[in-house]
Amino acid sequence: MRNILEQNGGFFIEFDMLAEMENALEKLFATGAVVIVATMAKSCGKLLCQKIKGQSLSVEEALEKLCEVLGRWNWGEFAFNILNADEGFGRFNVKNSLETRVRKTGMVVGCHFLSNFL
């Protein structure tokens, strides 16, 4: 597993560890943690977008590639179901998302990272 992750530029972190990182941010920065998480996510999303843009794909192909990559990263099952490329509007469907698996039962599930990443 380690070799596969390293060959693809990745590393492994358990969902519980990720949830604890988020909890630590919330303890330290209270509601400001949302801004920190959202800002990190947006920057990370831009980085992936630049990598995909470099492949000279159509908008539809780029979105399919994005869904494929996020699925391989085990962030959930992504599908793009509405697209208006002229106005820059679209909608993703996500099943079994990273965030829903990180959050503990009974807590409100938010999508601050994922929604800002996309």
PDB file of N, CA and C in Angstrom:
ATOM      1  N   MET A   1       0.816  -1.189   0.000  1.00  0.00           N
ATOM      2  CA  MET A   1       0.000   0.000   0.000  1.00  0.00           C
ATOM      3  C   MET A   1       0.863   1.257   0.000  1.00  0.00           C
ATOM      4  N   ARG A   2       1.910   1.247   0.806  1.00  0.00           N
ATOM      5  CA  ARG A   2       2.790   2.419   0.883  1.00  0.00           C
ATOM      6  C   ARG A   2       3.386   2.744  -0.485  1.00  0.00           C
ATOM      7  N   ASN A   3       3.837   1.726  -1.201  1.00  0.00           N
ATOM      8  CA  ASN A   3       4.425   1.955  -2.521  1.00  0.00           C
ATOM      9  C   ASN A   3       3.421   2.585  -3.472  1.00  0.00           C
ATOM     10  N   ILE A   4       2.198   2.106  -3.449  1.00  0.00           N
ATOM     11  CA  ILE A   4       1.151   2.654  -4.323  1.00  0.00           C
ATOM     12  C   ILE A   4       0.910   4.119  -3.990  1.00  0.00           C
ATOM     13  N   LEU A   5       0.796   4.431  -2.696  1.00  0.00           N
ATOM     14  CA  LEU A   5       0.580   5.814  -2.290  1.00  0.00           C
ATOM     15  C   LEU A   5       1.737   6.708  -2.706  1.00  0.00           C
ATOM     16  N   GLU A   6       2.958   6.261  -2.481  1.00  0.00           N
ATOM     17  CA  GLU A   6       4.128   7.070  -2.823  1.00  0.00           C
ATOM     18  C   GLU A   6       4.266   7.258  -4.326  1.00  0.00           C
ATOM     19  N   GLN A   7       3.962   6.228  -5.106  1.00  0.00           N
ATOM     20  CA  GLN A   7       4.043   6.332  -6.562  1.00  0.00           C
ATOM     21  C   GLN A   7       3.036   7.336  -7.110  1.00  0.00           C
ATOM     22  N   ASN A   8       1.947   7.521  -6.397  1.00  0.00           N
ATOM     23  CA  ASN A   8       0.895   8.429  -6.847  1.00  0.00           C
ATOM     24  C   ASN A   8       0.909   9.750  -6.083  1.00  0.00           C
ATOM     25  N   GLY A   9       1.993  10.043  -5.391  1.00  0.00           N
ATOM     26  CA  GLY A   9       2.141  11.321  -4.702  1.00  0.00           C
ATOM     27  C   GLY A   9       1.261  11.470  -3.480  1.00  0.00           C
ATOM     28  N   GLY A  10       0.905  10.377  -2.824  1.00  0.00           N
ATOM     29  CA  GLY A  10      -0.008  10.464  -1.693  1.00  0.00           C
ATOM     30  C   GLY A  10       0.561   9.881  -0.423  1.00  0.00           C
ATOM     31  N   PHE A  11      -0.240   9.986   0.630  1.00  0.00           N
ATOM     32  CA  PHE A  11       0.084   9.373   1.913  1.00  0.00           C
ATOM     33  C   PHE A  11      -1.223   8.946   2.558  1.00  0.00           C
ATOM     34  N   PHE A  12      -1.141   8.176   3.623  1.00  0.00           N
ATOM     35  CA  PHE A  12      -2.331   7.628   4.262  1.00  0.00           C
ATOM     36  C   PHE A  12      -2.574   8.318   5.597  1.00  0.00           C
ATOM     37  N   ILE A  13      -3.829   8.675   5.834  1.00  0.00           N
ATOM     38  CA  ILE A  13      -4.227   9.199   7.135  1.00  0.00           C
ATOM     39  C   ILE A  13      -5.603   8.622   7.451  1.00  0.00           C
ATOM     40  N   GLU A  14      -5.765   8.103   8.652  1.00  0.00           N
ATOM     41  CA  GLU A  14      -7.041   7.501   9.035  1.00  0.00           C
ATOM     42  C   GLU A  14      -8.092   8.581   9.251  1.00  0.00           C
ATOM     43  N   PHE A  15      -9.360   8.226   9.028  1.00  0.00           N
ATOM     44  CA  PHE A  15     -10.460   9.163   9.201  1.00  0.00           C
ATOM     45  C   PHE A  15     -10.509   9.722  10.616  1.00  0.00           C
ATOM     46  N   ASP A  16     -10.238   8.877  11.621  1.00  0.00           N
ATOM     47  CA  ASP A  16     -10.247   9.345  13.004  1.00  0.00           C
ATOM     48  C   ASP A  16      -9.188  10.423  13.242  1.00  0.00           C
ATOM     49  N   MET A  17      -8.033  10.252  12.619  1.00  0.00           N
ATOM     50  CA  MET A  17      -6.960  11.234  12.761  1.00  0.00           C
ATOM     51  C   MET A  17      -7.366  12.554  12.106  1.00  0.00           C
ATOM     52  N   LEU A  18      -7.970  12.481  10.948  1.00  0.00           N
ATOM     53  CA  LEU A  18      -8.440  13.678  10.261  1.00  0.00           C
ATOM     54  C   LEU A  18      -9.504  14.402  11.085  1.00  0.00           C
ATOM     55  N   ALA A  19     -10.415  13.643  11.673  1.00  0.00           N
ATOM     56  CA  ALA A  19     -11.441  14.237  12.525  1.00  0.00           C
ATOM     57  C   ALA A  19     -10.812  14.907  13.736  1.00  0.00           C
ATOM     58  N   GLU A  20      -9.790  14.308  14.303  1.00  0.00           N
ATOM     59  CA  GLU A  20      -9.121  14.891  15.465  1.00  0.00           C
ATOM     60  C   GLU A  20      -8.393  16.175  15.085  1.00  0.00           C
ATOM     61  N   MET A  21      -7.824  16.228  13.893  1.00  0.00           N
ATOM     62  CA  MET A  21      -7.186  17.464  13.423  1.00  0.00           C
ATOM     63  C   MET A  21      -8.215  18.589  13.335  1.00  0.00           C
ATOM     64  N   GLU A  22      -9.385  18.262  12.810  1.00  0.00           N
ATOM     65  CA  GLU A  22     -10.455  19.252  12.711  1.00  0.00           C
ATOM     66  C   GLU A  22     -10.923  19.687  14.100  1.00  0.00           C
ATOM     67  N   ASN A  23     -11.061  18.740  15.024  1.00  0.00           N
ATOM     68  CA  ASN A  23     -11.464  19.070  16.394  1.00  0.00           C
ATOM     69  C   ASN A  23     -10.441  19.997  17.061  1.00  0.00           C
ATOM     70  N   ALA A  24      -9.159  19.732  16.828  1.00  0.00           N
ATOM     71  CA  ALA A  24      -8.114  20.579  17.414  1.00  0.00           C
ATOM     72  C   ALA A  24      -8.197  21.999  16.866  1.00  0.00           C
ATOM     73  N   LEU A  25      -8.445  22.138  15.582  1.00  0.00           N
ATOM     74  CA  LEU A  25      -8.620  23.473  14.997  1.00  0.00           C
ATOM     75  C   LEU A  25      -9.811  24.191  15.619  1.00  0.00           C
ATOM     76  N   GLU A  26     -10.910  23.457  15.812  1.00  0.00           N
ATOM     77  CA  GLU A  26     -12.104  24.058  16.409  1.00  0.00           C
ATOM     78  C   GLU A  26     -11.859  24.492  17.851  1.00  0.00           C
ATOM     79  N   LYS A  27     -11.086  23.693  18.601  1.00  0.00           N
ATOM     80  CA  LYS A  27     -10.774  24.061  19.986  1.00  0.00           C
ATOM     81  C   LYS A  27      -9.916  25.324  20.040  1.00  0.00           C
ATOM     82  N   LEU A  28      -8.974  25.426  19.139  1.00  0.00           N
ATOM     83  CA  LEU A  28      -8.044  26.546  19.147  1.00  0.00           C
ATOM     84  C   LEU A  28      -8.644  27.819  18.554  1.00  0.00           C
ATOM     85  N   PHE A  29      -9.401  27.667  17.455  1.00  0.00           N
ATOM     86  CA  PHE A  29      -9.870  28.837  16.725  1.00  0.00           C
ATOM     87  C   PHE A  29     -11.391  29.024  16.730  1.00  0.00           C
ATOM     88  N   ALA A  30     -12.110  28.169  17.437  1.00  0.00           N
ATOM     89  CA  ALA A  30     -13.586  28.231  17.507  1.00  0.00           C
ATOM     90  C   ALA A  30     -14.165  28.315  16.098  1.00  0.00           C
ATOM     91  N   THR A  31     -15.062  29.257  15.853  1.00  0.00           N
ATOM     92  CA  THR A  31     -15.701  29.355  14.537  1.00  0.00           C
ATOM     93  C   THR A  31     -14.712  29.750  13.449  1.00  0.00           C
ATOM     94  N   GLY A  32     -13.581  30.305  13.831  1.00  0.00           N
ATOM     95  CA  GLY A  32     -12.545  30.644  12.852  1.00  0.00           C
ATOM     96  C   GLY A  32     -11.953  29.412  12.191  1.00  0.00           C
ATOM     97  N   ALA A  33     -12.135  28.248  12.796  1.00  0.00           N
ATOM     98  CA  ALA A  33     -11.626  27.005  12.203  1.00  0.00           C
ATOM     99  C   ALA A  33     -12.261  26.750  10.844  1.00  0.00           C
ATOM    100  N   VAL A  34     -13.517  27.126  10.701  1.00  0.00           N
ATOM    101  CA  VAL A  34     -14.215  26.938   9.420  1.00  0.00           C
ATOM    102  C   VAL A  34     -13.503  27.722   8.327  1.00  0.00           C
ATOM    103  N   VAL A  35     -13.090  28.928   8.632  1.00  0.00           N
ATOM    104  CA  VAL A  35     -12.393  29.768   7.657  1.00  0.00           C
ATOM    105  C   VAL A  35     -11.052  29.145   7.286  1.00  0.00           C
ATOM    106  N   ILE A  36     -10.358  28.619   8.268  1.00  0.00           N
ATOM    107  CA  ILE A  36      -9.062  27.984   8.018  1.00  0.00           C
ATOM    108  C   ILE A  36      -9.240  26.761   7.129  1.00  0.00           C
ATOM    109  N   VAL A  37     -10.184  25.901   7.471  1.00  0.00           N
ATOM    110  CA  VAL A  37     -10.440  24.687   6.687  1.00  0.00           C
ATOM    111  C   VAL A  37     -10.870  25.057   5.269  1.00  0.00           C
ATOM    112  N   ALA A  38     -11.765  26.026   5.136  1.00  0.00           N
ATOM    113  CA  ALA A  38     -12.255  26.441   3.823  1.00  0.00           C
ATOM    114  C   ALA A  38     -11.129  27.018   2.975  1.00  0.00           C
ATOM    115  N   THR A  39     -10.261  27.810   3.582  1.00  0.00           N
ATOM    116  CA  THR A  39      -9.146  28.415   2.846  1.00  0.00           C
ATOM    117  C   THR A  39      -8.164  27.354   2.369  1.00  0.00           C
ATOM    118  N   MET A  40      -7.848  26.390   3.251  1.00  0.00           N
ATOM    119  CA  MET A  40      -6.961  25.293   2.843  1.00  0.00           C
ATOM    120  C   MET A  40      -7.579  24.516   1.694  1.00  0.00           C
ATOM    121  N   ALA A  41      -8.860  24.220   1.810  1.00  0.00           N
ATOM    122  CA  ALA A  41      -9.543  23.420   0.800  1.00  0.00           C
ATOM    123  C   ALA A  41      -9.547  24.110  -0.553  1.00  0.00           C
ATOM    124  N   LYS A  42      -9.821  25.399  -0.557  1.00  0.00           N
ATOM    125  CA  LYS A  42      -9.872  26.143  -1.819  1.00  0.00           C
ATOM    126  C   LYS A  42      -8.514  26.119  -2.510  1.00  0.00           C
ATOM    127  N   SER A  43      -7.447  26.313  -1.753  1.00  0.00           N
ATOM    128  CA  SER A  43      -6.098  26.263  -2.322  1.00  0.00           C
ATOM    129  C   SER A  43      -5.778  24.881  -2.883  1.00  0.00           C
ATOM    130  N   CYS A  44      -6.159  23.847  -2.152  1.00  0.00           N
ATOM    131  CA  CYS A  44      -5.922  22.476  -2.614  1.00  0.00           C
ATOM    132  C   CYS A  44      -6.731  22.181  -3.881  1.00  0.00           C
ATOM    133  N   GLY A  45      -7.962  22.643  -3.915  1.00  0.00           N
ATOM    134  CA  GLY A  45      -8.803  22.458  -5.096  1.00  0.00           C
ATOM    135  C   GLY A  45      -8.220  23.151  -6.312  1.00  0.00           C
ATOM    136  N   LYS A  46      -7.686  24.348  -6.118  1.00  0.00           N
ATOM    137  CA  LYS A  46      -7.061  25.078  -7.227  1.00  0.00           C
ATOM    138  C   LYS A  46      -5.853  24.320  -7.770  1.00  0.00           C
ATOM    139  N   LEU A  47      -5.081  23.734  -6.859  1.00  0.00           N
ATOM    140  CA  LEU A  47      -3.903  22.976  -7.282  1.00  0.00           C
ATOM    141  C   LEU A  47      -4.303  21.796  -8.160  1.00  0.00           C
ATOM    142  N   LEU A  48      -5.313  21.036  -7.726  1.00  0.00           N
ATOM    143  CA  LEU A  48      -5.774  19.905  -8.531  1.00  0.00           C
ATOM    144  C   LEU A  48      -6.358  20.391  -9.856  1.00  0.00           C
ATOM    145  N   CYS A  49      -7.087  21.495  -9.817  1.00  0.00           N
ATOM    146  CA  CYS A  49      -7.670  22.058 -11.034  1.00  0.00           C
ATOM    147  C   CYS A  49      -6.580  22.397 -12.046  1.00  0.00           C
ATOM    148  N   GLN A  50      -5.494  22.993 -11.589  1.00  0.00           N
ATOM    149  CA  GLN A  50      -4.388  23.331 -12.489  1.00  0.00           C
ATOM    150  C   GLN A  50      -3.780  22.083 -13.125  1.00  0.00           C
ATOM    151  N   LYS A  51      -3.674  21.017 -12.348  1.00  0.00           N
ATOM    152  CA  LYS A  51      -3.141  19.765 -12.886  1.00  0.00           C
ATOM    153  C   LYS A  51      -4.061  19.202 -13.973  1.00  0.00           C
ATOM    154  N   ILE A  52      -5.357  19.257 -13.733  1.00  0.00           N
ATOM    155  CA  ILE A  52      -6.318  18.736 -14.704  1.00  0.00           C
ATOM    156  C   ILE A  52      -6.378  19.639 -15.933  1.00  0.00           C
ATOM    157  N   LYS A  53      -6.328  20.961 -15.721  1.00  0.00           N
ATOM    158  CA  LYS A  53      -6.354  21.905 -16.841  1.00  0.00           C
ATOM    159  C   LYS A  53      -5.192  21.671 -17.795  1.00  0.00           C
ATOM    160  N   GLY A  54      -4.063  21.259 -17.271  1.00  0.00           N
ATOM    161  CA  GLY A  54      -2.880  21.013 -18.082  1.00  0.00           C
ATOM    162  C   GLY A  54      -3.030  19.854 -19.048  1.00  0.00           C
ATOM    163  N   GLN A  55      -4.115  19.095 -18.926  1.00  0.00           N
ATOM    164  CA  GLN A  55      -4.330  17.930 -19.783  1.00  0.00           C
ATOM    165  C   GLN A  55      -5.145  18.255 -21.034  1.00  0.00           C
ATOM    166  N   SER A  56      -5.501  19.520 -21.239  1.00  0.00           N
ATOM    167  CA  SER A  56      -6.250  19.970 -22.422  1.00  0.00           C
ATOM    168  C   SER A  56      -7.518  19.150 -22.658  1.00  0.00           C
ATOM    169  N   LEU A  57      -8.349  19.048 -21.651  1.00  0.00           N
ATOM    170  CA  LEU A  57      -9.606  18.303 -21.742  1.00  0.00           C
ATOM    171  C   LEU A  57     -10.766  19.273 -21.925  1.00  0.00           C
ATOM    172  N   SER A  58     -11.875  18.770 -22.450  1.00  0.00           N
ATOM    173  CA  SER A  58     -13.097  19.567 -22.501  1.00  0.00           C
ATOM    174  C   SER A  58     -13.599  19.740 -21.072  1.00  0.00           C
ATOM    175  N   VAL A  59     -14.544  20.641 -20.869  1.00  0.00           N
ATOM    176  CA  VAL A  59     -15.090  20.862 -19.530  1.00  0.00           C
ATOM    177  C   VAL A  59     -15.668  19.566 -18.980  1.00  0.00           C
ATOM    178  N   GLU A  60     -16.441  18.869 -19.809  1.00  0.00           N
ATOM    179  CA  GLU A  60     -17.062  17.617 -19.366  1.00  0.00           C
ATOM    180  C   GLU A  60     -16.008  16.573 -19.023  1.00  0.00           C
ATOM    181  N   GLU A  61     -14.979  16.455 -19.860  1.00  0.00           N
ATOM    182  CA  GLU A  61     -13.907  15.482 -19.601  1.00  0.00           C
ATOM    183  C   GLU A  61     -13.134  15.837 -18.327  1.00  0.00           C
ATOM    184  N   ALA A  62     -12.910  17.134 -18.118  1.00  0.00           N
ATOM    185  CA  ALA A  62     -12.196  17.578 -16.917  1.00  0.00           C
ATOM    186  C   ALA A  62     -12.992  17.245 -15.662  1.00  0.00           C
ATOM    187  N   LEU A  63     -14.312  17.434 -15.715  1.00  0.00           N
ATOM    188  CA  LEU A  63     -15.149  17.115 -14.560  1.00  0.00           C
ATOM    189  C   LEU A  63     -15.199  15.615 -14.305  1.00  0.00           C
ATOM    190  N   GLU A  64     -15.236  14.835 -15.375  1.00  0.00           N
ATOM    191  CA  GLU A  64     -15.182  13.378 -15.218  1.00  0.00           C
ATOM    192  C   GLU A  64     -13.858  12.969 -14.590  1.00  0.00           C
ATOM    193  N   LYS A  65     -12.772  13.603 -15.029  1.00  0.00           N
ATOM    194  CA  LYS A  65     -11.448  13.314 -14.470  1.00  0.00           C
ATOM    195  C   LYS A  65     -11.412  13.673 -12.980  1.00  0.00           C
ATOM    196  N   LEU A  66     -11.983  14.818 -12.628  1.00  0.00           N
ATOM    197  CA  LEU A  66     -12.041  15.236 -11.229  1.00  0.00           C
ATOM    198  C   LEU A  66     -12.784  14.208 -10.383  1.00  0.00           C
ATOM    199  N   CYS A  67     -13.944  13.771 -10.865  1.00  0.00           N
ATOM    200  CA  CYS A  67     -14.724  12.764 -10.133  1.00  0.00           C
ATOM    201  C   CYS A  67     -13.925  11.470  -9.988  1.00  0.00           C
ATOM    202  N   GLU A  68     -13.219  11.097 -11.036  1.00  0.00           N
ATOM    203  CA  GLU A  68     -12.407   9.875 -11.012  1.00  0.00           C
ATOM    204  C   GLU A  68     -11.282   9.988  -9.985  1.00  0.00           C
ATOM    205  N   VAL A  69     -10.569  11.104  -9.992  1.00  0.00           N
ATOM    206  CA  VAL A  69      -9.452  11.300  -9.063  1.00  0.00           C
ATOM    207  C   VAL A  69      -9.937  11.277  -7.614  1.00  0.00           C
ATOM    208  N   LEU A  70     -11.000  12.014  -7.326  1.00  0.00           N
ATOM    209  CA  LEU A  70     -11.508  12.058  -5.949  1.00  0.00           C
ATOM    210  C   LEU A  70     -12.009  10.698  -5.490  1.00  0.00           C
ATOM    211  N   GLY A  71     -12.576   9.935  -6.413  1.00  0.00           N
ATOM    212  CA  GLY A  71     -12.987   8.569  -6.091  1.00  0.00           C
ATOM    213  C   GLY A  71     -11.795   7.682  -5.766  1.00  0.00           C
ATOM    214  N   ARG A  72     -10.725   7.813  -6.555  1.00  0.00           N
ATOM    215  CA  ARG A  72      -9.502   7.036  -6.292  1.00  0.00           C
ATOM    216  C   ARG A  72      -8.887   7.419  -4.954  1.00  0.00           C
ATOM    217  N   TRP A  73      -9.034   8.666  -4.561  1.00  0.00           N
ATOM    218  CA  TRP A  73      -8.498   9.125  -3.283  1.00  0.00           C
ATOM    219  C   TRP A  73      -9.386   8.696  -2.119  1.00  0.00           C
ATOM    220  N   ASN A  74     -10.484   8.029  -2.398  1.00  0.00           N
ATOM    221  CA  ASN A  74     -11.427   7.542  -1.379  1.00  0.00           C
ATOM    222  C   ASN A  74     -12.131   8.689  -0.653  1.00  0.00           C
ATOM    223  N   TRP A  75     -12.401   9.778  -1.386  1.00  0.00           N
ATOM    224  CA  TRP A  75     -13.118  10.919  -0.813  1.00  0.00           C
ATOM    225  C   TRP A  75     -14.619  10.745  -0.945  1.00  0.00           C
ATOM    226  N   GLY A  76     -15.058   9.728  -1.650  1.00  0.00           N
ATOM    227  CA  GLY A  76     -16.479   9.484  -1.857  1.00  0.00           C
ATOM    228  C   GLY A  76     -16.746   9.085  -3.295  1.00  0.00           C
ATOM    229  N   GLU A  77     -18.026   8.947  -3.596  1.00  0.00           N
ATOM    230  CA  GLU A  77     -18.458   8.615  -4.954  1.00  0.00           C
ATOM    231  C   GLU A  77     -19.049   9.885  -5.556  1.00  0.00           C
ATOM    232  N   PHE A  78     -18.349  10.468  -6.521  1.00  0.00           N
ATOM    233  CA  PHE A  78     -18.716  11.758  -7.086  1.00  0.00           C
ATOM    234  C   PHE A  78     -19.334  11.600  -8.470  1.00  0.00           C
ATOM    235  N   ALA A  79     -20.334  12.418  -8.729  1.00  0.00           N
ATOM    236  CA  ALA A  79     -20.933  12.499 -10.060  1.00  0.00           C
ATOM    237  C   ALA A  79     -21.330  13.946 -10.298  1.00  0.00           C
ATOM    238  N   PHE A  80     -21.099  14.422 -11.501  1.00  0.00           N
ATOM    239  CA  PHE A  80     -21.482  15.776 -11.871  1.00  0.00           C
ATOM    240  C   PHE A  80     -22.778  15.660 -12.642  1.00  0.00           C
ATOM    241  N   ASN A  81     -23.864  16.255 -12.127  1.00  0.00           N
ATOM    242  CA  ASN A  81     -25.146  16.035 -12.781  1.00  0.00           C
ATOM    243  C   ASN A  81     -25.761  17.257 -13.435  1.00  0.00           C
ATOM    244  N   ILE A  82     -25.306  18.443 -13.129  1.00  0.00           N
ATOM    245  CA  ILE A  82     -25.813  19.654 -13.771  1.00  0.00           C
ATOM    246  C   ILE A  82     -24.603  20.477 -14.195  1.00  0.00           C
ATOM    247  N   LEU A  83     -24.629  20.973 -15.417  1.00  0.00           N
ATOM    248  CA  LEU A  83     -23.506  21.757 -15.900  1.00  0.00           C
ATOM    249  C   LEU A  83     -23.997  22.891 -16.776  1.00  0.00           C
ATOM    250  N   ASN A  84     -23.572  24.094 -16.458  1.00  0.00           N
ATOM    251  CA  ASN A  84     -23.761  25.249 -17.316  1.00  0.00           C
ATOM    252  C   ASN A  84     -22.398  25.919 -17.391  1.00  0.00           C
ATOM    253  N   ALA A  85     -21.594  25.462 -18.354  1.00  0.00           N
ATOM    254  CA  ALA A  85     -20.214  25.938 -18.474  1.00  0.00           C
ATOM    255  C   ALA A  85     -20.156  27.423 -18.805  1.00  0.00           C
ATOM    256  N   ASP A  86     -21.144  27.941 -19.541  1.00  0.00           N
ATOM    257  CA  ASP A  86     -21.149  29.361 -19.903  1.00  0.00           C
ATOM    258  C   ASP A  86     -21.252  30.262 -18.684  1.00  0.00           C
ATOM    259  N   GLU A  87     -22.065  29.849 -17.716  1.00  0.00           N
ATOM    260  CA  GLU A  87     -22.253  30.650 -16.506  1.00  0.00           C
ATOM    261  C   GLU A  87     -21.378  30.172 -15.354  1.00  0.00           C
ATOM    262  N   GLY A  88     -20.622  29.093 -15.572  1.00  0.00           N
ATOM    263  CA  GLY A  88     -19.745  28.577 -14.524  1.00  0.00           C
ATOM    264  C   GLY A  88     -20.507  27.965 -13.366  1.00  0.00           C
ATOM    265  N   PHE A  89     -21.596  27.282 -13.653  1.00  0.00           N
ATOM    266  CA  PHE A  89     -22.445  26.704 -12.616  1.00  0.00           C
ATOM    267  C   PHE A  89     -22.542  25.204 -12.809  1.00  0.00           C
ATOM    268  N   GLY A  90     -22.511  24.475 -11.715  1.00  0.00           N
ATOM    269  CA  GLY A  90     -22.690  23.038 -11.786  1.00  0.00           C
ATOM    270  C   GLY A  90     -23.037  22.474 -10.430  1.00  0.00           C
ATOM    271  N   ARG A  91     -23.399  21.202 -10.417  1.00  0.00           N
ATOM    272  CA  ARG A  91     -23.757  20.547  -9.158  1.00  0.00           C
ATOM    273  C   ARG A  91     -23.165  19.142  -9.132  1.00  0.00           C
ATOM    274  N   PHE A  92     -22.510  18.841  -8.011  1.00  0.00           N
ATOM    275  CA  PHE A  92     -21.974  17.506  -7.774  1.00  0.00           C
ATOM    276  C   PHE A  92     -22.935  16.738  -6.877  1.00  0.00           C
ATOM    277  N   ASN A  93     -23.001  15.451  -7.090  1.00  0.00           N
ATOM    278  CA  ASN A  93     -23.615  14.537  -6.134  1.00  0.00           C
ATOM    279  C   ASN A  93     -22.470  13.763  -5.501  1.00  0.00           C
ATOM    280  N   VAL A  94     -22.527  13.614  -4.184  1.00  0.00           N
ATOM    281  CA  VAL A  94     -21.483  12.882  -3.481  1.00  0.00           C
ATOM    282  C   VAL A  94     -22.145  11.877  -2.559  1.00  0.00           C
ATOM    283  N   LYS A  95     -21.753  10.626  -2.697  1.00  0.00           N
ATOM    284  CA  LYS A  95     -22.214   9.577  -1.797  1.00  0.00           C
ATOM    285  C   LYS A  95     -21.018   9.101  -0.998  1.00  0.00           C
ATOM    286  N   ASN A  96     -21.267   8.737   0.258  1.00  0.00           N
ATOM    287  CA  ASN A  96     -20.219   8.196   1.127  1.00  0.00           C
ATOM    288  C   ASN A  96     -19.009   9.130   1.168  1.00  0.00           C
ATOM    289  N   SER A  97     -19.281  10.405   1.401  1.00  0.00           N
ATOM    290  CA  SER A  97     -18.220  11.406   1.335  1.00  0.00           C
ATOM    291  C   SER A  97     -17.214  11.267   2.471  1.00  0.00           C
ATOM    292  N   LEU A  98     -16.060  11.809   2.229  1.00  0.00           N
ATOM    293  CA  LEU A  98     -14.995  11.859   3.227  1.00  0.00           C
ATOM    294  C   LEU A  98     -15.514  12.472   4.522  1.00  0.00           C
ATOM    295  N   GLU A  99     -16.209  13.582   4.410  1.00  0.00           N
ATOM    296  CA  GLU A  99     -16.661  14.291   5.610  1.00  0.00           C
ATOM    297  C   GLU A  99     -17.677  13.489   6.420  1.00  0.00           C
ATOM    298  N   THR A 100     -18.583  12.786   5.755  1.00  0.00           N
ATOM    299  CA  THR A 100     -19.578  12.010   6.506  1.00  0.00           C
ATOM    300  C   THR A 100     -18.919  10.839   7.228  1.00  0.00           C
ATOM    301  N   ARG A 101     -17.817  10.346   6.708  1.00  0.00           N
ATOM    302  CA  ARG A 101     -17.115   9.250   7.379  1.00  0.00           C
ATOM    303  C   ARG A 101     -16.216   9.752   8.491  1.00  0.00           C
ATOM    304  N   VAL A 102     -15.821  11.022   8.447  1.00  0.00           N
ATOM    305  CA  VAL A 102     -14.957  11.601   9.470  1.00  0.00           C
ATOM    306  C   VAL A 102     -15.755  12.013  10.687  1.00  0.00           C
ATOM    307  N   ARG A 103     -16.913  12.604  10.489  1.00  0.00           N
ATOM    308  CA  ARG A 103     -17.726  13.130  11.594  1.00  0.00           C
ATOM    309  C   ARG A 103     -18.244  12.019  12.482  1.00  0.00           C
ATOM    310  N   LYS A 104     -18.294  12.295  13.741  1.00  0.00           N
ATOM    311  CA  LYS A 104     -18.838  11.344  14.701  1.00  0.00           C
ATOM    312  C   LYS A 104     -20.361  11.374  14.651  1.00  0.00           C
ATOM    313  N   THR A 105     -20.995  10.294  15.023  1.00  0.00           N
ATOM    314  CA  THR A 105     -22.443  10.187  15.050  1.00  0.00           C
ATOM    315  C   THR A 105     -23.040  11.266  15.939  1.00  0.00           C
ATOM    316  N   GLY A 106     -24.145  11.842  15.478  1.00  0.00           N
ATOM    317  CA  GLY A 106     -24.852  12.842  16.264  1.00  0.00           C
ATOM    318  C   GLY A 106     -24.394  14.259  16.022  1.00  0.00           C
ATOM    319  N   MET A 107     -23.263  14.452  15.377  1.00  0.00           N
ATOM    320  CA  MET A 107     -22.785  15.796  15.083  1.00  0.00           C
ATOM    321  C   MET A 107     -23.358  16.246  13.748  1.00  0.00           C
ATOM    322  N   VAL A 108     -23.522  17.526  13.590  1.00  0.00           N
ATOM    323  CA  VAL A 108     -23.996  18.065  12.322  1.00  0.00           C
ATOM    324  C   VAL A 108     -22.902  17.866  11.286  1.00  0.00           C
ATOM    325  N   VAL A 109     -23.272  17.310  10.143  1.00  0.00           N
ATOM    326  CA  VAL A 109     -22.295  17.089   9.089  1.00  0.00           C
ATOM    327  C   VAL A 109     -22.203  18.347   8.241  1.00  0.00           C
ATOM    328  N   GLY A 110     -21.024  18.888   8.163  1.00  0.00           N
ATOM    329  CA  GLY A 110     -20.777  20.047   7.322  1.00  0.00           C
ATOM    330  C   GLY A 110     -19.840  19.661   6.198  1.00  0.00           C
ATOM    331  N   CYS A 111     -19.808  20.461   5.200  1.00  0.00           N
ATOM    332  CA  CYS A 111     -18.981  20.169   4.030  1.00  0.00           C
ATOM    333  C   CYS A 111     -17.997  21.299   3.780  1.00  0.00           C
ATOM    334  N   HIS A 112     -17.479  21.913   4.822  1.00  0.00           N
ATOM    335  CA  HIS A 112     -16.624  23.075   4.645  1.00  0.00           C
ATOM    336  C   HIS A 112     -15.408  22.759   3.778  1.00  0.00           C
ATOM    337  N   PHE A 113     -14.764  21.657   4.034  1.00  0.00           N
ATOM    338  CA  PHE A 113     -13.582  21.318   3.222  1.00  0.00           C
ATOM    339  C   PHE A 113     -13.995  20.950   1.808  1.00  0.00           C
ATOM    340  N   LEU A 114     -14.888  19.990   1.696  1.00  0.00           N
ATOM    341  CA  LEU A 114     -15.252  19.461   0.381  1.00  0.00           C
ATOM    342  C   LEU A 114     -15.904  20.504  -0.512  1.00  0.00           C
ATOM    343  N   SER A 115     -16.829  21.277   0.030  1.00  0.00           N
ATOM    344  CA  SER A 115     -17.504  22.268  -0.805  1.00  0.00           C
ATOM    345  C   SER A 115     -16.531  23.350  -1.269  1.00  0.00           C
ATOM    346  N   ASN A 116     -15.606  23.753  -0.445  1.00  0.00           N
ATOM    347  CA  ASN A 116     -14.629  24.752  -0.858  1.00  0.00           C
ATOM    348  C   ASN A 116     -13.564  24.164  -1.769  1.00  0.00           C
ATOM    349  N   PHE A 117     -13.248  22.905  -1.590  1.00  0.00           N
ATOM    350  CA  PHE A 117     -12.309  22.227  -2.479  1.00  0.00           C
ATOM    351  C   PHE A 117     -12.885  22.189  -3.899  1.00  0.00           C
ATOM    352  N   LEU A 118     -14.154  21.825  -3.996  1.00  0.00           N
ATOM    353  CA  LEU A 118     -14.780  21.739  -5.322  1.00  0.00           C
ATOM    354  C   LEU A 118     -14.980  23.115  -5.910  1.00  0.00           C
TER     355      LEU A 118
END
